[in-house]
C-alpha atoms as a PDB file:
ATOM      1  CA  MET A   1     321.133  59.201 -74.794  1.00  0.00           C
ATOM      2  CA  ALA A   2     318.665  58.312 -78.142  1.00  0.00           C
ATOM      3  CA  VAL A   3     319.299  61.796 -79.454  1.00  0.00           C
ATOM      4  CA  ARG A   4     316.889  64.107 -81.747  1.00  0.00           C
ATOM      5  CA  LYS A   5     319.034  65.401 -85.115  1.00  0.00           C
ATOM      6  CA  ASP A   6     319.007  68.888 -83.298  1.00  0.00           C
ATOM      7  CA  GLY A   7     320.625  67.155 -80.320  1.00  0.00           C
ATOM      8  CA  ALA A   8     317.552  66.967 -78.139  1.00  0.00           C
ATOM      9  CA  VAL A   9     317.090  64.408 -75.918  1.00  0.00           C
ATOM     10  CA  VAL A  10     313.981  61.624 -76.447  1.00  0.00           C
ATOM     11  CA  VAL A  11     312.051  60.942 -73.749  1.00  0.00           C
ATOM     12  CA  ASP A  12     309.343  58.458 -73.886  1.00  0.00           C
ATOM     13  CA  SER A  13     305.639  57.863 -72.455  1.00  0.00           C
ATOM     14  CA  GLN A  14     307.140  57.233 -69.295  1.00  0.00           C
ATOM     15  CA  ASP A  15     309.949  60.412 -68.710  1.00  0.00           C
ATOM     16  CA  ASP A  16     312.232  57.568 -69.470  1.00  0.00           C
ATOM     17  CA  LYS A  17     315.729  57.758 -71.393  1.00  0.00           C
ATOM     18  CA  ILE A  18     317.954  55.632 -72.596  1.00  0.00           C
ATOM     19  CA  THR A  19     321.812  55.615 -73.130  1.00  0.00           C
ATOM     20  CA  PRO A  20     322.437  54.432 -76.826  1.00  0.00           C
ATOM     21  CA  SER A  21     324.794  51.510 -75.745  1.00  0.00           C
ATOM     22  CA  ASP A  22     321.936  50.121 -73.837  1.00  0.00           C
ATOM     23  CA  LEU A  23     319.583  50.611 -77.018  1.00  0.00           C
ATOM     24  CA  GLU A  24     322.045  48.921 -78.652  1.00  0.00           C
ATOM     25  CA  GLU A  25     322.046  45.752 -76.349  1.00  0.00           C
ATOM     26  CA  ALA A  26     318.335  45.748 -75.608  1.00  0.00           C
ATOM     27  CA  VAL A  27     317.186  46.032 -79.924  1.00  0.00           C
ATOM     28  CA  TYR A  28     319.415  43.321 -80.270  1.00  0.00           C
ATOM     29  CA  ARG A  29     317.792  41.251 -77.979  1.00  0.00           C
ATOM     30  CA  TYR A  30     314.254  41.897 -79.273  1.00  0.00           C
ATOM     31  CA  VAL A  31     315.322  41.545 -83.375  1.00  0.00           C
ATOM     32  CA  ALA A  32     317.504  37.986 -81.564  1.00  0.00           C
ATOM     33  CA  PHE A  33     314.515  36.742 -79.236  1.00  0.00           C
ATOM     34  CA  SER A  34     311.602  38.205 -80.183  1.00  0.00           C
ATOM     35  CA  GLY A  35     310.708  40.806 -83.559  1.00  0.00           C
ATOM     36  CA  GLU A  36     306.713  41.148 -82.612  1.00  0.00           C
ATOM     37  CA  ALA A  37     304.731  43.327 -83.254  1.00  0.00           C
ATOM     38  CA  ASN A  38     301.229  43.206 -80.935  1.00  0.00           C
ATOM     39  CA  ALA A  39     298.697  45.845 -80.215  1.00  0.00           C
ATOM     40  CA  MET A  40     298.571  47.848 -77.395  1.00  0.00           C
ATOM     41  CA  HIS A  41     300.977  44.949 -75.502  1.00  0.00           C
ATOM     42  CA  ASP A  42     297.844  42.718 -75.779  1.00  0.00           C
ATOM     43  CA  GLY A  43     296.730  39.050 -77.607  1.00  0.00           C
ATOM     44  CA  PRO A  44     298.876  37.511 -81.506  1.00  0.00           C
ATOM     45  CA  ALA A  45     301.688  39.215 -83.171  1.00  0.00           C
ATOM     46  CA  VAL A  46     300.141  41.235 -85.186  1.00  0.00           C
ATOM     47  CA  GLY A  47     303.111  42.184 -87.391  1.00  0.00           C
ATOM     48  CA  GLN A  48     306.470  41.303 -87.408  1.00  0.00           C
ATOM     49  CA  LEU A  49     309.597  43.767 -87.282  1.00  0.00           C
ATOM     50  CA  VAL A  50     311.189  43.898 -91.107  1.00  0.00           C
ATOM     51  CA  GLU A  51     313.776  46.332 -91.139  1.00  0.00           C
ATOM     52  CA  SER A  52     316.079  47.278 -87.745  1.00  0.00           C
ATOM     53  CA  LEU A  53     318.708  49.790 -87.625  1.00  0.00           C
ATOM     54  CA  VAL A  54     320.524  51.115 -84.142  1.00  0.00           C
ATOM     55  CA  VAL A  55     322.330  54.933 -84.858  1.00  0.00           C
ATOM     56  CA  THR A  56     325.048  55.929 -82.897  1.00  0.00           C
ATOM     57  CA  PRO A  57     327.978  58.239 -83.782  1.00  0.00           C
ATOM     58  CA  GLU A  58     330.118  55.270 -84.310  1.00  0.00           C
ATOM     59  CA  LYS A  59     328.153  53.876 -86.862  1.00  0.00           C
ATOM     60  CA  LEU A  60     327.760  57.521 -88.485  1.00  0.00           C
ATOM     61  CA  GLU A  61     330.658  57.819 -88.542  1.00  0.00           C
ATOM     62  CA  LYS A  62     332.061  54.766 -89.807  1.00  0.00           C
ATOM     63  CA  MET A  63     329.841  55.424 -92.726  1.00  0.00           C
ATOM     64  CA  GLY A  64     331.209  58.725 -93.416  1.00  0.00           C
ATOM     65  CA  LEU A  65     328.387  60.403 -92.907  1.00  0.00           C
ATOM     66  CA  LYS A  66     328.672  64.033 -90.390  1.00  0.00           C
ATOM     67  CA  SER A  67     327.545  63.487 -86.088  1.00  0.00           C
ATOM     68  CA  ASP A  68     324.287  64.910 -86.979  1.00  0.00           C
ATOM     69  CA  ALA A  69     323.767  63.528 -90.491  1.00  0.00           C
ATOM     70  CA  LEU A  70     320.333  60.914 -88.480  1.00  0.00           C
ATOM     71  CA  PRO A  71     319.284  60.926 -85.776  1.00  0.00           C
ATOM     72  CA  GLN A  72     321.301  58.661 -82.862  1.00  0.00           C
ATOM     73  CA  GLY A  73     318.790  56.197 -81.935  1.00  0.00           C
ATOM     74  CA  TRP A  74     316.666  52.660 -83.095  1.00  0.00           C
ATOM     75  CA  TRP A  75     315.468  53.138 -86.789  1.00  0.00           C
ATOM     76  CA  THR A  76     312.762  50.701 -87.133  1.00  0.00           C
ATOM     77  CA  GLY A  77     310.078  49.000 -90.242  1.00  0.00           C
ATOM     78  CA  PHE A  78     307.385  46.422 -88.992  1.00  0.00           C
ATOM     79  CA  HIS A  79     305.011  44.728 -91.651  1.00  0.00           C
ATOM     80  CA  VAL A  80     302.044  44.583 -90.167  1.00  0.00           C
ATOM     81  CA  GLU A  81     300.199  41.659 -90.978  1.00  0.00           C
ATOM     82  CA  ASP A  82     296.729  42.460 -88.972  1.00  0.00           C
ATOM     83  CA  ALA A  83     294.677  44.188 -91.387  1.00  0.00           C
ATOM     84  CA  LYS A  84     292.253  46.167 -88.305  1.00  0.00           C
ATOM     85  CA  SER A  85     295.440  46.678 -86.409  1.00  0.00           C
ATOM     86  CA  TRP A  86     296.930  47.640 -89.919  1.00  0.00           C
ATOM     87  CA  ASP A  87     293.829  50.701 -89.966  1.00  0.00           C
ATOM     88  CA  ALA A  88     294.306  51.114 -86.533  1.00  0.00           C
ATOM     89  CA  VAL A  89     297.715  52.682 -87.420  1.00  0.00           C
ATOM     90  CA  LYS A  90     296.416  54.222 -90.427  1.00  0.00           C
ATOM     91  CA  SER A  91     293.571  56.711 -88.880  1.00  0.00           C
ATOM     92  CA  GLY A  92     295.819  57.301 -86.396  1.00  0.00           C
ATOM     93  CA  LYS A  93     294.276  55.289 -83.800  1.00  0.00           C
ATOM     94  CA  TYR A  94     297.771  53.987 -83.069  1.00  0.00           C
ATOM     95  CA  ARG A  95     300.259  56.673 -83.283  1.00  0.00           C
ATOM     96  CA  MET A  96     302.986  55.321 -81.902  1.00  0.00           C
ATOM     97  CA  PHE A  97     304.919  51.806 -82.130  1.00  0.00           C
ATOM     98  CA  SER A  98     305.849  50.281 -78.126  1.00  0.00           C
ATOM     99  CA  ILE A  99     308.223  46.980 -77.967  1.00  0.00           C
ATOM    100  CA  GLU A 100     306.990  45.057 -74.502  1.00  0.00           C
ATOM    101  CA  GLY A 101     310.374  44.420 -72.790  1.00  0.00           C
ATOM    102  CA  ARG A 102     311.887  44.414 -68.680  1.00  0.00           C
ATOM    103  CA  ALA A 103     313.958  47.009 -67.645  1.00  0.00           C
ATOM    104  CA  THR A 104     314.905  48.817 -64.327  1.00  0.00           C
ATOM    105  CA  ARG A 105     314.555  52.064 -64.130  1.00  0.00           C
ATOM    106  CA  GLU A 106     318.343  53.574 -62.437  1.00  0.00           C
ATOM    107  CA  GLY A 107     317.640  56.939 -61.169  1.00  0.00           C
ATOM    108  CA  ALA A 108     314.235  57.036 -59.794  1.00  0.00           C
END
């Protein structure tokens, strides 16, 4: 699962969890085929992904870091080009990012 530094499993707004390997695969597809950000899953692109790292136990080990040095999951940096959308981020109206994608919920 995506895991916080304290070991807590990350659960999203829809009560979904994702394994690190599934997250890594999804991230690579997103980076390769899109990387765009829009406002609330609607309208044209307002920004672009500029940094991306999926932190996994294997990568931490290869970097010579302790297994709890960083949370396990996806670290991103987006450049939001649209001033109105960026103002909404800075004001707290948009408090988090969500990428568009499709998945099959298992075990539901």
